[in-house]
């Protein structure tokens, strides 16, 4: 893999180094994953929009009110799983 220099402010570098130490993952891998995630953001955003468009057009859950009720219930259930 070609080498690339990345300039980070000290605070960010300290956070990355701490994460590297606690997770036993090289700093370069953390930075590479962060860049890959950033680059895939537009693709994920477009996929989310397609799902939302489908939900809005077909209203399989009974519209926004039902959606919000189910989302609240699932969020509550997720919080209780910890």
C-alpha atoms as a PDB file:
ATOM      1  CA  UNK A   1       0.000   0.000   0.000  1.00  0.00           C
ATOM      2  CA  UNK A   2       1.341   3.438  -0.808  1.00  0.00           C
ATOM      3  CA  UNK A   3       2.193   5.635   2.139  1.00  0.00           C
ATOM      4  CA  UNK A   4       0.347   8.900   2.710  1.00  0.00           C
ATOM      5  CA  UNK A   5       0.977  11.582   5.303  1.00  0.00           C
ATOM      6  CA  UNK A   6      -2.000  12.698   7.353  1.00  0.00           C
ATOM      7  CA  UNK A   7      -1.770  15.757   9.558  1.00  0.00           C
ATOM      8  CA  UNK A   8      -3.939  15.649  12.670  1.00  0.00           C
ATOM      9  CA  UNK A   9      -4.277  18.105  15.502  1.00  0.00           C
ATOM     10  CA  UNK A  10      -2.799  16.873  18.770  1.00  0.00           C
ATOM     11  CA  UNK A  11      -6.150  16.208  20.414  1.00  0.00           C
ATOM     12  CA  UNK A  12      -7.339  13.998  17.527  1.00  0.00           C
ATOM     13  CA  UNK A  13      -4.017  12.177  17.393  1.00  0.00           C
ATOM     14  CA  UNK A  14      -4.185  11.483  21.132  1.00  0.00           C
ATOM     15  CA  UNK A  15      -7.681  10.026  20.748  1.00  0.00           C
ATOM     16  CA  UNK A  16      -6.615   7.836  17.824  1.00  0.00           C
ATOM     17  CA  UNK A  17      -3.538   6.610  19.695  1.00  0.00           C
ATOM     18  CA  UNK A  18      -5.624   5.804  22.788  1.00  0.00           C
ATOM     19  CA  UNK A  19      -8.138   3.860  20.675  1.00  0.00           C
ATOM     20  CA  UNK A  20      -5.254   2.061  18.997  1.00  0.00           C
ATOM     21  CA  UNK A  21      -3.786   1.058  22.331  1.00  0.00           C
ATOM     22  CA  UNK A  22      -7.054  -0.127  23.899  1.00  0.00           C
ATOM     23  CA  UNK A  23      -8.297  -2.007  20.838  1.00  0.00           C
ATOM     24  CA  UNK A  24      -4.885  -3.353  19.741  1.00  0.00           C
ATOM     25  CA  UNK A  25      -5.433  -1.970  16.240  1.00  0.00           C
ATOM     26  CA  UNK A  26      -2.678  -0.022  14.439  1.00  0.00           C
ATOM     27  CA  UNK A  27      -3.184   3.738  14.114  1.00  0.00           C
ATOM     28  CA  UNK A  28      -2.915   3.411  10.328  1.00  0.00           C
ATOM     29  CA  UNK A  29      -5.808   0.933  10.261  1.00  0.00           C
ATOM     30  CA  UNK A  30      -8.021   3.233  12.354  1.00  0.00           C
ATOM     31  CA  UNK A  31      -7.296   6.140  10.019  1.00  0.00           C
ATOM     32  CA  UNK A  32      -7.840   3.959   6.920  1.00  0.00           C
ATOM     33  CA  UNK A  33     -11.217   2.720   8.246  1.00  0.00           C
ATOM     34  CA  UNK A  34     -12.263   6.285   9.066  1.00  0.00           C
ATOM     35  CA  UNK A  35     -11.420   7.429   5.542  1.00  0.00           C
ATOM     36  CA  UNK A  36     -13.243   4.465   3.977  1.00  0.00           C
ATOM     37  CA  UNK A  37     -16.299   5.192   6.129  1.00  0.00           C
ATOM     38  CA  UNK A  38     -16.212   8.852   5.111  1.00  0.00           C
ATOM     39  CA  UNK A  39     -15.949   7.957   1.434  1.00  0.00           C
ATOM     40  CA  UNK A  40     -18.901   5.538   1.636  1.00  0.00           C
ATOM     41  CA  UNK A  41     -21.126   8.120   3.361  1.00  0.00           C
ATOM     42  CA  UNK A  42     -22.771   9.356   0.126  1.00  0.00           C
ATOM     43  CA  UNK A  43     -23.546   5.790  -0.935  1.00  0.00           C
ATOM     44  CA  UNK A  44     -25.147   5.010   2.432  1.00  0.00           C
ATOM     45  CA  UNK A  45     -27.069   8.270   2.363  1.00  0.00           C
ATOM     46  CA  UNK A  46     -28.474   7.434  -1.073  1.00  0.00           C
ATOM     47  CA  UNK A  47     -29.504   3.952   0.118  1.00  0.00           C
ATOM     48  CA  UNK A  48     -31.269   5.435   3.150  1.00  0.00           C
ATOM     49  CA  UNK A  49     -33.088   7.854   0.882  1.00  0.00           C
ATOM     50  CA  UNK A  50     -34.305   4.997  -1.347  1.00  0.00           C
ATOM     51  CA  UNK A  51     -35.675   3.184   1.711  1.00  0.00           C
ATOM     52  CA  UNK A  52     -37.382   6.325   2.973  1.00  0.00           C
ATOM     53  CA  UNK A  53     -38.872   6.998  -0.464  1.00  0.00           C
ATOM     54  CA  UNK A  54     -40.290   3.465  -0.540  1.00  0.00           C
ATOM     55  CA  UNK A  55     -41.739   3.865   2.950  1.00  0.00           C
ATOM     56  CA  UNK A  56     -43.305   7.210   2.090  1.00  0.00           C
ATOM     57  CA  UNK A  57     -44.868   5.983  -1.151  1.00  0.00           C
ATOM     58  CA  UNK A  58     -46.266   2.653   0.055  1.00  0.00           C
ATOM     59  CA  UNK A  59     -46.739   3.466   3.773  1.00  0.00           C
ATOM     60  CA  UNK A  60     -46.322  -0.187   4.804  1.00  0.00           C
ATOM     61  CA  UNK A  61     -46.246   0.713   8.497  1.00  0.00           C
ATOM     62  CA  UNK A  62     -49.313   2.919   8.535  1.00  0.00           C
ATOM     63  CA  UNK A  63     -47.697   6.284   7.878  1.00  0.00           C
ATOM     64  CA  UNK A  64     -45.413   8.481   9.948  1.00  0.00           C
ATOM     65  CA  UNK A  65     -47.418   8.213  13.154  1.00  0.00           C
ATOM     66  CA  UNK A  66     -47.180   4.409  13.221  1.00  0.00           C
ATOM     67  CA  UNK A  67     -43.526   4.592  12.149  1.00  0.00           C
ATOM     68  CA  UNK A  68     -42.684   6.928  15.029  1.00  0.00           C
ATOM     69  CA  UNK A  69     -44.511   4.649  17.492  1.00  0.00           C
ATOM     70  CA  UNK A  70     -42.569   1.604  16.294  1.00  0.00           C
ATOM     71  CA  UNK A  71     -39.281   3.499  16.276  1.00  0.00           C
ATOM     72  CA  UNK A  72     -39.855   4.664  19.854  1.00  0.00           C
ATOM     73  CA  UNK A  73     -40.710   1.111  20.931  1.00  0.00           C
ATOM     74  CA  UNK A  74     -37.623  -0.361  19.253  1.00  0.00           C
ATOM     75  CA  UNK A  75     -35.355   2.316  20.645  1.00  0.00           C
ATOM     76  CA  UNK A  76     -36.680   1.616  24.121  1.00  0.00           C
ATOM     77  CA  UNK A  77     -36.184  -2.125  23.634  1.00  0.00           C
ATOM     78  CA  UNK A  78     -32.600  -1.569  22.436  1.00  0.00           C
ATOM     79  CA  UNK A  79     -31.850   0.563  25.495  1.00  0.00           C
ATOM     80  CA  UNK A  80     -33.058  -2.243  27.768  1.00  0.00           C
ATOM     81  CA  UNK A  81     -30.742  -4.824  26.155  1.00  0.00           C
ATOM     82  CA  UNK A  82     -27.554  -3.398  27.642  1.00  0.00           C
END
